N, C-alpha and C. Protein backbone atom coordinates (compact mmCIF):
# COMPACT_ATOMS: atom_id res chain seq x y z
N ALA A 1 118.86 104.90 130.46
CA ALA A 1 119.06 104.56 129.06
C ALA A 1 117.75 104.69 128.30
N LEU A 2 117.82 105.24 127.13
CA LEU A 2 116.64 105.45 126.30
C LEU A 2 116.25 104.20 125.53
N THR A 3 117.21 103.36 125.24
CA THR A 3 116.99 102.26 124.32
C THR A 3 115.90 101.29 124.78
N GLY A 4 115.73 101.09 126.07
CA GLY A 4 114.72 100.14 126.53
C GLY A 4 113.34 100.73 126.72
N LYS A 5 113.21 102.03 126.55
CA LYS A 5 111.93 102.70 126.80
C LYS A 5 111.08 102.76 125.53
N PRO A 6 109.75 102.72 125.71
CA PRO A 6 108.87 102.87 124.54
C PRO A 6 109.03 104.27 123.91
N SER A 7 108.80 104.35 122.62
CA SER A 7 108.97 105.62 121.90
C SER A 7 108.14 106.74 122.50
N ILE A 8 106.94 106.45 122.94
CA ILE A 8 106.08 107.50 123.50
C ILE A 8 106.71 108.09 124.76
N GLU A 9 107.37 107.25 125.54
CA GLU A 9 108.04 107.72 126.74
C GLU A 9 109.28 108.55 126.38
N VAL A 10 109.98 108.13 125.36
CA VAL A 10 111.16 108.86 124.90
C VAL A 10 110.75 110.24 124.38
N ARG A 11 109.65 110.29 123.63
CA ARG A 11 109.13 111.58 123.14
C ARG A 11 108.74 112.48 124.32
N GLY A 12 108.14 111.89 125.33
CA GLY A 12 107.75 112.66 126.51
C GLY A 12 108.97 113.26 127.20
N TYR A 13 110.04 112.49 127.28
CA TYR A 13 111.27 112.99 127.89
C TYR A 13 111.83 114.17 127.08
N LEU A 14 111.78 114.07 125.77
CA LEU A 14 112.27 115.15 124.91
C LEU A 14 111.56 116.46 125.22
N ARG A 15 110.29 116.39 125.53
CA ARG A 15 109.49 117.59 125.75
C ARG A 15 109.65 118.19 127.15
N ARG A 16 110.30 117.47 128.04
CA ARG A 16 110.50 117.98 129.40
C ARG A 16 111.61 119.03 129.43
N PRO A 17 111.40 120.09 130.20
CA PRO A 17 112.47 121.10 130.33
C PRO A 17 113.76 120.52 130.91
N SER A 18 113.66 119.42 131.62
CA SER A 18 114.85 118.81 132.23
C SER A 18 115.67 117.98 131.24
N CYS A 19 115.21 117.85 129.99
CA CYS A 19 115.94 117.07 128.99
C CYS A 19 117.20 117.82 128.58
N LEU A 20 118.35 117.24 128.90
CA LEU A 20 119.62 117.87 128.59
C LEU A 20 120.26 117.33 127.31
N ILE A 21 119.64 116.30 126.72
CA ILE A 21 120.24 115.65 125.55
C ILE A 21 119.22 115.50 124.41
N PRO A 22 118.58 116.59 123.99
CA PRO A 22 117.57 116.44 122.93
C PRO A 22 118.13 115.86 121.65
N ASN A 23 119.40 116.15 121.34
CA ASN A 23 120.00 115.60 120.13
C ASN A 23 120.08 114.08 120.21
N VAL A 24 120.47 113.54 121.35
CA VAL A 24 120.55 112.10 121.53
C VAL A 24 119.17 111.46 121.46
N VAL A 25 118.20 112.13 122.08
CA VAL A 25 116.83 111.61 122.08
C VAL A 25 116.28 111.55 120.65
N LEU A 26 116.48 112.61 119.89
CA LEU A 26 116.00 112.63 118.51
C LEU A 26 116.67 111.56 117.66
N LEU A 27 117.97 111.40 117.83
CA LEU A 27 118.67 110.37 117.05
C LEU A 27 118.21 108.97 117.45
N GLU A 28 117.88 108.77 118.72
CA GLU A 28 117.35 107.48 119.16
C GLU A 28 116.00 107.21 118.47
N LEU A 29 115.13 108.22 118.47
CA LEU A 29 113.83 108.05 117.82
C LEU A 29 114.01 107.78 116.33
N GLN A 30 114.91 108.51 115.71
CA GLN A 30 115.17 108.33 114.28
C GLN A 30 115.70 106.92 114.00
N SER A 31 116.55 106.41 114.87
CA SER A 31 117.11 105.07 114.68
C SER A 31 116.03 103.99 114.77
N ARG A 32 114.93 104.33 115.43
CA ARG A 32 113.80 103.40 115.54
C ARG A 32 112.85 103.50 114.35
N GLY A 33 113.18 104.40 113.43
CA GLY A 33 112.32 104.60 112.27
C GLY A 33 111.16 105.55 112.53
N GLU A 34 111.23 106.28 113.64
CA GLU A 34 110.18 107.23 113.99
C GLU A 34 110.32 108.51 113.15
N ASP A 35 109.19 109.15 112.90
CA ASP A 35 109.19 110.43 112.20
C ASP A 35 109.53 111.51 113.21
N ILE A 36 110.71 112.07 113.12
CA ILE A 36 111.10 113.09 114.10
C ILE A 36 110.76 114.51 113.66
N LEU A 37 110.27 114.66 112.42
CA LEU A 37 109.90 116.00 111.98
C LEU A 37 108.82 116.60 112.87
N GLN A 38 107.97 115.76 113.43
CA GLN A 38 106.93 116.28 114.32
C GLN A 38 107.51 116.85 115.62
N GLU A 39 108.78 116.59 115.88
CA GLU A 39 109.45 117.13 117.06
C GLU A 39 110.19 118.43 116.76
N LEU A 40 110.16 118.88 115.52
CA LEU A 40 110.83 120.12 115.16
C LEU A 40 110.34 121.31 116.01
N PRO A 41 109.05 121.43 116.32
CA PRO A 41 108.64 122.54 117.19
C PRO A 41 109.33 122.54 118.55
N VAL A 42 109.62 121.38 119.08
CA VAL A 42 110.35 121.29 120.36
C VAL A 42 111.74 121.90 120.19
N VAL A 43 112.41 121.53 119.11
CA VAL A 43 113.76 122.04 118.83
C VAL A 43 113.71 123.55 118.61
N LEU A 44 112.73 124.01 117.87
CA LEU A 44 112.62 125.44 117.62
C LEU A 44 112.35 126.21 118.90
N GLY A 45 111.58 125.62 119.79
CA GLY A 45 111.35 126.24 121.10
C GLY A 45 112.64 126.41 121.88
N LEU A 46 113.49 125.41 121.78
CA LEU A 46 114.79 125.51 122.44
C LEU A 46 115.65 126.60 121.81
N LEU A 47 115.60 126.72 120.50
CA LEU A 47 116.44 127.70 119.79
C LEU A 47 116.09 129.14 120.13
N VAL A 48 114.89 129.39 120.62
CA VAL A 48 114.48 130.76 120.96
C VAL A 48 114.27 130.94 122.47
N SER A 49 114.80 130.02 123.24
CA SER A 49 114.67 130.09 124.69
C SER A 49 115.40 131.31 125.26
N GLU A 50 114.91 131.80 126.38
CA GLU A 50 115.60 132.87 127.11
C GLU A 50 116.94 132.37 127.66
N ASN A 51 117.03 131.07 127.87
CA ASN A 51 118.21 130.46 128.47
C ASN A 51 119.20 130.04 127.38
N ILE A 52 120.40 130.58 127.44
CA ILE A 52 121.39 130.29 126.40
C ILE A 52 121.79 128.81 126.39
N GLY A 53 121.76 128.17 127.54
CA GLY A 53 122.06 126.74 127.59
C GLY A 53 121.04 125.93 126.83
N ARG A 54 119.78 126.30 126.97
CA ARG A 54 118.71 125.61 126.22
C ARG A 54 118.86 125.88 124.72
N ARG A 55 119.25 127.11 124.37
CA ARG A 55 119.49 127.40 122.94
C ARG A 55 120.62 126.53 122.41
N GLY A 56 121.66 126.34 123.22
CA GLY A 56 122.76 125.47 122.81
C GLY A 56 122.31 124.03 122.60
N ARG A 57 121.44 123.54 123.47
CA ARG A 57 120.90 122.19 123.30
C ARG A 57 120.03 122.11 122.05
N GLY A 58 119.29 123.18 121.79
CA GLY A 58 118.48 123.22 120.57
C GLY A 58 119.34 123.19 119.32
N TRP A 59 120.46 123.91 119.36
CA TRP A 59 121.37 123.93 118.22
C TRP A 59 121.99 122.56 118.00
N ALA A 60 122.37 121.90 119.10
CA ALA A 60 122.93 120.55 118.99
C ALA A 60 121.89 119.60 118.39
N ALA A 61 120.64 119.76 118.80
CA ALA A 61 119.58 118.90 118.27
C ALA A 61 119.35 119.18 116.79
N LEU A 62 119.31 120.45 116.42
CA LEU A 62 119.08 120.80 115.02
C LEU A 62 120.22 120.28 114.13
N THR A 63 121.44 120.50 114.55
CA THR A 63 122.57 120.11 113.70
C THR A 63 122.73 118.60 113.58
N SER A 64 122.34 117.87 114.61
CA SER A 64 122.50 116.42 114.52
C SER A 64 121.28 115.72 113.92
N ALA A 65 120.08 116.18 114.27
CA ALA A 65 118.87 115.48 113.81
C ALA A 65 118.27 116.08 112.53
N PHE A 66 118.53 117.36 112.29
CA PHE A 66 117.97 118.04 111.11
C PHE A 66 119.07 118.82 110.38
N PRO A 67 120.17 118.16 110.00
CA PRO A 67 121.29 118.89 109.39
C PRO A 67 120.90 119.62 108.11
N GLU A 68 119.90 119.12 107.41
CA GLU A 68 119.49 119.76 106.17
C GLU A 68 118.84 121.13 106.41
N LEU A 69 118.41 121.40 107.64
CA LEU A 69 117.77 122.69 107.95
C LEU A 69 118.77 123.74 108.41
N VAL A 70 119.94 123.31 108.83
CA VAL A 70 120.94 124.23 109.37
C VAL A 70 121.32 125.29 108.35
N GLN A 71 121.46 124.89 107.10
CA GLN A 71 121.87 125.86 106.08
C GLN A 71 120.84 126.96 105.87
N ARG A 72 119.61 126.73 106.27
CA ARG A 72 118.57 127.77 106.12
C ARG A 72 118.70 128.87 107.16
N ILE A 73 119.42 128.58 108.24
CA ILE A 73 119.61 129.60 109.28
C ILE A 73 121.09 129.72 109.62
N ARG A 74 121.90 129.86 108.60
CA ARG A 74 123.35 129.92 108.78
C ARG A 74 123.79 131.06 109.69
N ASP A 75 123.01 132.14 109.75
CA ASP A 75 123.41 133.29 110.57
C ASP A 75 122.94 133.18 112.02
N TYR A 76 122.32 132.07 112.41
CA TYR A 76 121.86 131.87 113.79
C TYR A 76 123.07 131.72 114.71
N ARG A 77 123.02 132.40 115.84
CA ARG A 77 124.06 132.29 116.87
C ARG A 77 123.37 132.19 118.23
N ILE A 78 123.75 131.20 119.02
CA ILE A 78 123.07 131.02 120.31
C ILE A 78 123.28 132.21 121.24
N GLU A 79 124.34 132.97 121.04
CA GLU A 79 124.60 134.10 121.92
C GLU A 79 123.85 135.38 121.51
N ASP A 80 123.13 135.34 120.40
CA ASP A 80 122.33 136.49 119.98
C ASP A 80 121.18 136.74 120.96
N SER A 81 120.56 137.89 120.84
CA SER A 81 119.39 138.18 121.68
C SER A 81 118.25 137.23 121.31
N VAL A 82 117.32 137.08 122.22
CA VAL A 82 116.16 136.21 121.95
C VAL A 82 115.41 136.71 120.73
N ASP A 83 115.25 138.01 120.62
CA ASP A 83 114.55 138.57 119.45
C ASP A 83 115.27 138.22 118.14
N ASP A 84 116.59 138.32 118.15
CA ASP A 84 117.35 137.94 116.96
C ASP A 84 117.20 136.45 116.67
N CYS A 85 117.23 135.64 117.71
CA CYS A 85 117.06 134.19 117.52
C CYS A 85 115.69 133.88 116.92
N ARG A 86 114.67 134.57 117.39
CA ARG A 86 113.33 134.37 116.84
C ARG A 86 113.27 134.78 115.37
N ARG A 87 113.87 135.92 115.08
CA ARG A 87 113.85 136.41 113.70
C ARG A 87 114.59 135.44 112.77
N LYS A 88 115.73 134.96 113.23
CA LYS A 88 116.56 134.09 112.39
C LYS A 88 115.97 132.69 112.21
N THR A 89 115.12 132.25 113.14
CA THR A 89 114.51 130.93 113.02
C THR A 89 113.10 130.98 112.44
N GLU A 90 112.63 132.16 112.11
CA GLU A 90 111.27 132.31 111.59
C GLU A 90 111.02 131.45 110.36
N ILE A 91 111.99 131.36 109.48
CA ILE A 91 111.81 130.55 108.27
C ILE A 91 111.52 129.09 108.62
N LEU A 92 112.15 128.59 109.68
CA LEU A 92 111.89 127.21 110.10
C LEU A 92 110.54 127.08 110.80
N ARG A 93 110.20 128.10 111.60
CA ARG A 93 108.91 128.06 112.29
C ARG A 93 107.75 128.11 111.29
N ASN A 94 107.97 128.71 110.16
CA ASN A 94 106.92 128.76 109.12
C ASN A 94 106.73 127.40 108.44
N MET A 95 107.67 126.49 108.65
CA MET A 95 107.57 125.16 108.04
C MET A 95 106.65 124.24 108.83
N VAL A 96 106.45 124.55 110.11
CA VAL A 96 105.67 123.64 110.97
C VAL A 96 104.26 124.11 111.21
């Protein structure tokens, strides 16, 4: 359970490749009043991963924790090539 862990430990878990629930982790941090915008690079890294499963987790994280950014990349599809994913998320990567 994330709820009993210190925020720094929760952030560390988010950054691990083994994190399967980045959306839940981000929402937990947000519920604590933490600034999750600093975690956007982690989400963007997932969105351009070679692994489609990681891209799916990145999309879940973006849509739940950063819904206001989703409209900026409406044409993003997790099944696209990595190059297409990079091109389509470039506008968000320029924000960080």
